[in-house]
Structures are given as C-alpha cells and as structure tokens.
Amino acid sequence: MKKLGSLGILLVALNLTGCSLQNNFKHLSSSLLGLNRRITLFGADGHVIRSWDCRCKVEMKGGDAWFVSDAGKAIAVMGTVLVEEL
C-alpha cells in the first residue's frame, strides 16, 4: 500500500513538473519567435472594433496590450482585448 501511495505522489509530482516545463517552453517560444495569435479589440458595447492575426509576442501593461504586427508596425491597444493562440 505504501508503494502505491509513493507511486501516486511521484506521478503527481512529475505531472506538475511537466506542466511547468511546458509553460516555460511556451513562454520562451513566445519571447524568441512569437506565437500565432489573434488579438481582438472590443468596444464598450461588446462589438468588435478591430482584429489582428499575426505571429507576435503580446505584452500586457496595465490596461494596454502592446505587440508588433506582421507588417512591422508597433501597435498599442487599450480597452477590452482578447488574445487567442491560433
């Protein structure tokens, strides 16, 4: 019974480490290469004002989202922003 409990604890620890490693890899990949993302800016009434599909790193600072589009333009948006990985 003790062996089964120890095995269960080991599997949980490895699973948590795996998630952490996966998150670290995703953050590193985003920082170095950017990720395929869709950034959508919404108006106060919920309608879509504008949407961008690009390979970018998005930085959130306060209520602002900053990114560089595929066209090489630096874009800062303020308001309700949804960032999705494609």
N, C-alpha and C. Protein backbone atom coordinates (compact mmCIF):
# COMPACT_ATOMS: atom_id res chain seq x y z
N MET A 1 0.81 -1.19 0.00
CA MET A 1 0.00 0.00 0.00
C MET A 1 0.86 1.26 0.00
N LYS A 2 1.97 1.22 0.78
CA LYS A 2 2.87 2.36 0.83
C LYS A 2 3.50 2.61 -0.54
N LYS A 3 3.84 1.52 -1.23
CA LYS A 3 4.46 1.65 -2.55
C LYS A 3 3.49 2.31 -3.53
N LEU A 4 2.22 1.93 -3.45
CA LEU A 4 1.20 2.50 -4.33
C LEU A 4 1.02 4.00 -4.04
N GLY A 5 1.01 4.36 -2.77
CA GLY A 5 0.90 5.77 -2.38
C GLY A 5 2.11 6.56 -2.85
N SER A 6 3.31 5.98 -2.70
CA SER A 6 4.53 6.65 -3.14
C SER A 6 4.54 6.82 -4.64
N LEU A 7 4.07 5.82 -5.36
CA LEU A 7 3.99 5.89 -6.81
C LEU A 7 3.02 6.98 -7.24
N GLY A 8 1.89 7.08 -6.55
CA GLY A 8 0.91 8.13 -6.85
C GLY A 8 1.49 9.53 -6.64
N ILE A 9 2.20 9.71 -5.53
CA ILE A 9 2.83 11.00 -5.25
C ILE A 9 3.88 11.33 -6.30
N LEU A 10 4.66 10.35 -6.71
CA LEU A 10 5.67 10.55 -7.74
C LEU A 10 5.04 10.94 -9.07
N LEU A 11 3.94 10.28 -9.45
CA LEU A 11 3.26 10.61 -10.70
C LEU A 11 2.68 12.02 -10.67
N VAL A 12 2.10 12.41 -9.55
CA VAL A 12 1.57 13.76 -9.43
C VAL A 12 2.70 14.79 -9.53
N ALA A 13 3.82 14.53 -8.86
CA ALA A 13 4.96 15.46 -8.91
C ALA A 13 5.50 15.58 -10.33
N LEU A 14 5.62 14.47 -11.04
CA LEU A 14 6.10 14.51 -12.42
C LEU A 14 5.13 15.24 -13.32
N ASN A 15 3.84 15.05 -13.11
CA ASN A 15 2.83 15.74 -13.91
C ASN A 15 2.90 17.24 -13.69
N LEU A 16 3.06 17.68 -12.44
CA LEU A 16 3.16 19.11 -12.15
C LEU A 16 4.44 19.70 -12.76
N THR A 17 5.53 18.96 -12.69
CA THR A 17 6.78 19.40 -13.30
C THR A 17 6.62 19.48 -14.81
N GLY A 18 5.92 18.54 -15.41
CA GLY A 18 5.70 18.54 -16.85
C GLY A 18 4.91 19.77 -17.28
N CYS A 19 3.88 20.14 -16.53
CA CYS A 19 3.09 21.33 -16.85
C CYS A 19 3.96 22.58 -16.75
N SER A 20 4.78 22.63 -15.71
CA SER A 20 5.65 23.78 -15.52
C SER A 20 6.65 23.89 -16.66
N LEU A 21 7.23 22.77 -17.07
CA LEU A 21 8.18 22.78 -18.18
C LEU A 21 7.50 23.19 -19.47
N GLN A 22 6.28 22.71 -19.69
CA GLN A 22 5.54 23.06 -20.89
C GLN A 22 5.24 24.57 -20.91
N ASN A 23 4.85 25.12 -19.77
CA ASN A 23 4.59 26.56 -19.69
C ASN A 23 5.86 27.36 -19.94
N ASN A 24 6.98 26.92 -19.35
CA ASN A 24 8.25 27.62 -19.56
C ASN A 24 8.67 27.58 -21.02
N PHE A 25 8.48 26.45 -21.69
CA PHE A 25 8.80 26.33 -23.11
C PHE A 25 7.92 27.26 -23.94
N LYS A 26 6.64 27.34 -23.62
CA LYS A 26 5.71 28.20 -24.34
C LYS A 26 6.11 29.67 -24.18
N HIS A 27 6.48 30.08 -22.97
CA HIS A 27 6.90 31.46 -22.74
C HIS A 27 8.20 31.77 -23.48
N LEU A 28 9.13 30.84 -23.48
CA LEU A 28 10.39 31.04 -24.19
C LEU A 28 10.15 31.14 -25.69
N SER A 29 9.31 30.27 -26.22
CA SER A 29 8.97 30.29 -27.65
C SER A 29 8.30 31.61 -28.02
N SER A 30 7.41 32.09 -27.17
CA SER A 30 6.73 33.37 -27.42
C SER A 30 7.73 34.52 -27.43
N SER A 31 8.67 34.50 -26.49
CA SER A 31 9.64 35.58 -26.40
C SER A 31 10.59 35.60 -27.58
N LEU A 32 11.03 34.43 -28.02
CA LEU A 32 12.03 34.37 -29.09
C LEU A 32 11.42 34.51 -30.48
N LEU A 33 10.35 33.78 -30.75
CA LEU A 33 9.80 33.70 -32.09
C LEU A 33 8.42 34.34 -32.23
N GLY A 34 7.74 34.53 -31.13
CA GLY A 34 6.34 34.94 -31.19
C GLY A 34 5.47 33.73 -31.42
N LEU A 35 4.19 33.87 -31.20
CA LEU A 35 3.24 32.79 -31.43
C LEU A 35 2.16 33.29 -32.38
N ASN A 36 1.57 32.37 -33.13
CA ASN A 36 0.45 32.74 -34.00
C ASN A 36 -0.74 33.08 -33.11
N ARG A 37 -1.16 34.35 -33.20
CA ARG A 37 -2.21 34.82 -32.31
C ARG A 37 -3.22 35.67 -33.05
N ARG A 38 -4.40 35.76 -32.46
CA ARG A 38 -5.43 36.69 -32.92
C ARG A 38 -5.69 37.62 -31.73
N ILE A 39 -5.50 38.92 -31.97
CA ILE A 39 -5.76 39.93 -30.96
C ILE A 39 -7.02 40.67 -31.40
N THR A 40 -8.04 40.69 -30.55
CA THR A 40 -9.31 41.31 -30.87
C THR A 40 -9.59 42.40 -29.86
N LEU A 41 -9.92 43.60 -30.36
CA LEU A 41 -10.27 44.74 -29.52
C LEU A 41 -11.78 44.93 -29.58
N PHE A 42 -12.41 44.98 -28.40
CA PHE A 42 -13.87 45.12 -28.30
C PHE A 42 -14.24 46.51 -27.81
N GLY A 43 -15.38 47.01 -28.29
CA GLY A 43 -15.94 48.27 -27.81
C GLY A 43 -16.67 48.05 -26.50
N ALA A 44 -17.10 49.14 -25.88
CA ALA A 44 -17.81 49.06 -24.59
C ALA A 44 -19.12 48.30 -24.71
N ASP A 45 -19.72 48.30 -25.91
CA ASP A 45 -20.98 47.58 -26.10
C ASP A 45 -20.78 46.14 -26.56
N GLY A 46 -19.53 45.70 -26.64
CA GLY A 46 -19.24 44.30 -26.97
C GLY A 46 -19.00 44.02 -28.44
N HIS A 47 -19.14 45.00 -29.32
CA HIS A 47 -18.88 44.73 -30.73
C HIS A 47 -17.37 44.79 -31.01
N VAL A 48 -16.95 44.09 -32.04
CA VAL A 48 -15.52 44.04 -32.40
C VAL A 48 -15.15 45.33 -33.13
N ILE A 49 -14.15 46.02 -32.60
CA ILE A 49 -13.65 47.23 -33.25
C ILE A 49 -12.63 46.85 -34.32
N ARG A 50 -11.68 45.98 -33.95
CA ARG A 50 -10.64 45.56 -34.90
C ARG A 50 -10.04 44.26 -34.41
N SER A 51 -9.50 43.49 -35.34
CA SER A 51 -8.86 42.23 -35.02
C SER A 51 -7.57 42.10 -35.83
N TRP A 52 -6.52 41.55 -35.23
CA TRP A 52 -5.24 41.33 -35.91
C TRP A 52 -4.87 39.86 -35.79
N ASP A 53 -4.44 39.25 -36.88
CA ASP A 53 -3.86 37.90 -36.86
C ASP A 53 -2.39 38.07 -37.20
N CYS A 54 -1.51 37.66 -36.28
CA CYS A 54 -0.09 37.84 -36.53
C CYS A 54 0.72 36.87 -35.67
N ARG A 55 1.98 36.74 -36.03
CA ARG A 55 2.93 35.98 -35.22
C ARG A 55 3.64 37.01 -34.35
N CYS A 56 3.32 37.03 -33.06
CA CYS A 56 3.84 38.10 -32.23
C CYS A 56 3.92 37.68 -30.77
N LYS A 57 4.62 38.51 -30.02
CA LYS A 57 4.63 38.42 -28.57
C LYS A 57 3.78 39.58 -28.07
N VAL A 58 2.83 39.32 -27.22
CA VAL A 58 1.94 40.35 -26.69
C VAL A 58 2.38 40.67 -25.27
N GLU A 59 2.57 41.93 -25.00
CA GLU A 59 2.92 42.38 -23.65
C GLU A 59 1.73 43.14 -23.09
N MET A 60 1.29 42.74 -21.93
CA MET A 60 0.17 43.40 -21.25
C MET A 60 0.76 44.29 -20.16
N LYS A 61 0.44 45.57 -20.21
CA LYS A 61 0.91 46.52 -19.20
C LYS A 61 -0.28 47.34 -18.74
N GLY A 62 -0.73 47.08 -17.53
CA GLY A 62 -1.94 47.75 -17.04
C GLY A 62 -3.12 47.35 -17.90
N GLY A 63 -3.80 48.31 -18.49
CA GLY A 63 -4.92 48.02 -19.37
C GLY A 63 -4.54 48.06 -20.83
N ASP A 64 -3.24 48.10 -21.13
CA ASP A 64 -2.76 48.19 -22.51
C ASP A 64 -2.18 46.86 -22.99
N ALA A 65 -2.33 46.59 -24.28
CA ALA A 65 -1.69 45.44 -24.91
C ALA A 65 -0.77 45.98 -26.00
N TRP A 66 0.48 45.55 -26.01
CA TRP A 66 1.47 46.01 -26.97
C TRP A 66 1.95 44.81 -27.78
N PHE A 67 2.07 44.97 -29.10
CA PHE A 67 2.61 43.93 -29.96
C PHE A 67 3.09 44.55 -31.26
N VAL A 68 3.87 43.81 -32.02
CA VAL A 68 4.34 44.25 -33.34
C VAL A 68 3.66 43.35 -34.36
N SER A 69 2.97 43.96 -35.32
CA SER A 69 2.23 43.20 -36.33
C SER A 69 3.20 42.57 -37.33
N ASP A 70 2.68 41.67 -38.17
CA ASP A 70 3.50 41.05 -39.21
C ASP A 70 4.02 42.09 -40.21
N ALA A 71 3.34 43.22 -40.31
CA ALA A 71 3.78 44.30 -41.20
C ALA A 71 4.89 45.13 -40.56
N GLY A 72 5.28 44.79 -39.33
CA GLY A 72 6.35 45.51 -38.66
C GLY A 72 5.92 46.75 -37.93
N LYS A 73 4.62 46.94 -37.75
CA LYS A 73 4.10 48.12 -37.06
C LYS A 73 3.88 47.81 -35.58
N ALA A 74 4.39 48.69 -34.72
CA ALA A 74 4.15 48.55 -33.29
C ALA A 74 2.74 49.04 -33.00
N ILE A 75 1.97 48.23 -32.30
CA ILE A 75 0.57 48.55 -32.03
C ILE A 75 0.34 48.48 -30.52
N ALA A 76 -0.30 49.50 -30.00
CA ALA A 76 -0.73 49.53 -28.60
C ALA A 76 -2.23 49.74 -28.59
N VAL A 77 -2.95 48.87 -27.92
CA VAL A 77 -4.40 48.99 -27.82
C VAL A 77 -4.79 49.06 -26.36
N MET A 78 -5.85 49.82 -26.09
CA MET A 78 -6.36 49.96 -24.72
C MET A 78 -7.84 49.60 -24.73
N GLY A 79 -8.28 48.96 -23.71
CA GLY A 79 -9.68 48.58 -23.62
C GLY A 79 -9.79 47.09 -23.37
N THR A 80 -10.90 46.53 -23.79
CA THR A 80 -11.14 45.10 -23.63
C THR A 80 -10.49 44.36 -24.80
N VAL A 81 -9.48 43.57 -24.50
CA VAL A 81 -8.69 42.88 -25.51
C VAL A 81 -8.72 41.39 -25.23
N LEU A 82 -8.93 40.60 -26.29
CA LEU A 82 -8.87 39.16 -26.20
C LEU A 82 -7.69 38.70 -27.03
N VAL A 83 -6.79 37.90 -26.42
CA VAL A 83 -5.63 37.36 -27.13
C VAL A 83 -5.80 35.85 -27.18
N GLU A 84 -5.86 35.32 -28.41
CA GLU A 84 -6.04 33.88 -28.62
C GLU A 84 -4.86 33.33 -29.37
N GLU A 85 -4.41 32.14 -28.98
CA GLU A 85 -3.38 31.46 -29.76
C GLU A 85 -4.08 30.67 -30.86
N LEU A 86 -3.58 30.81 -32.08
CA LEU A 86 -4.17 30.12 -33.22
C LEU A 86 -3.50 28.78 -33.44
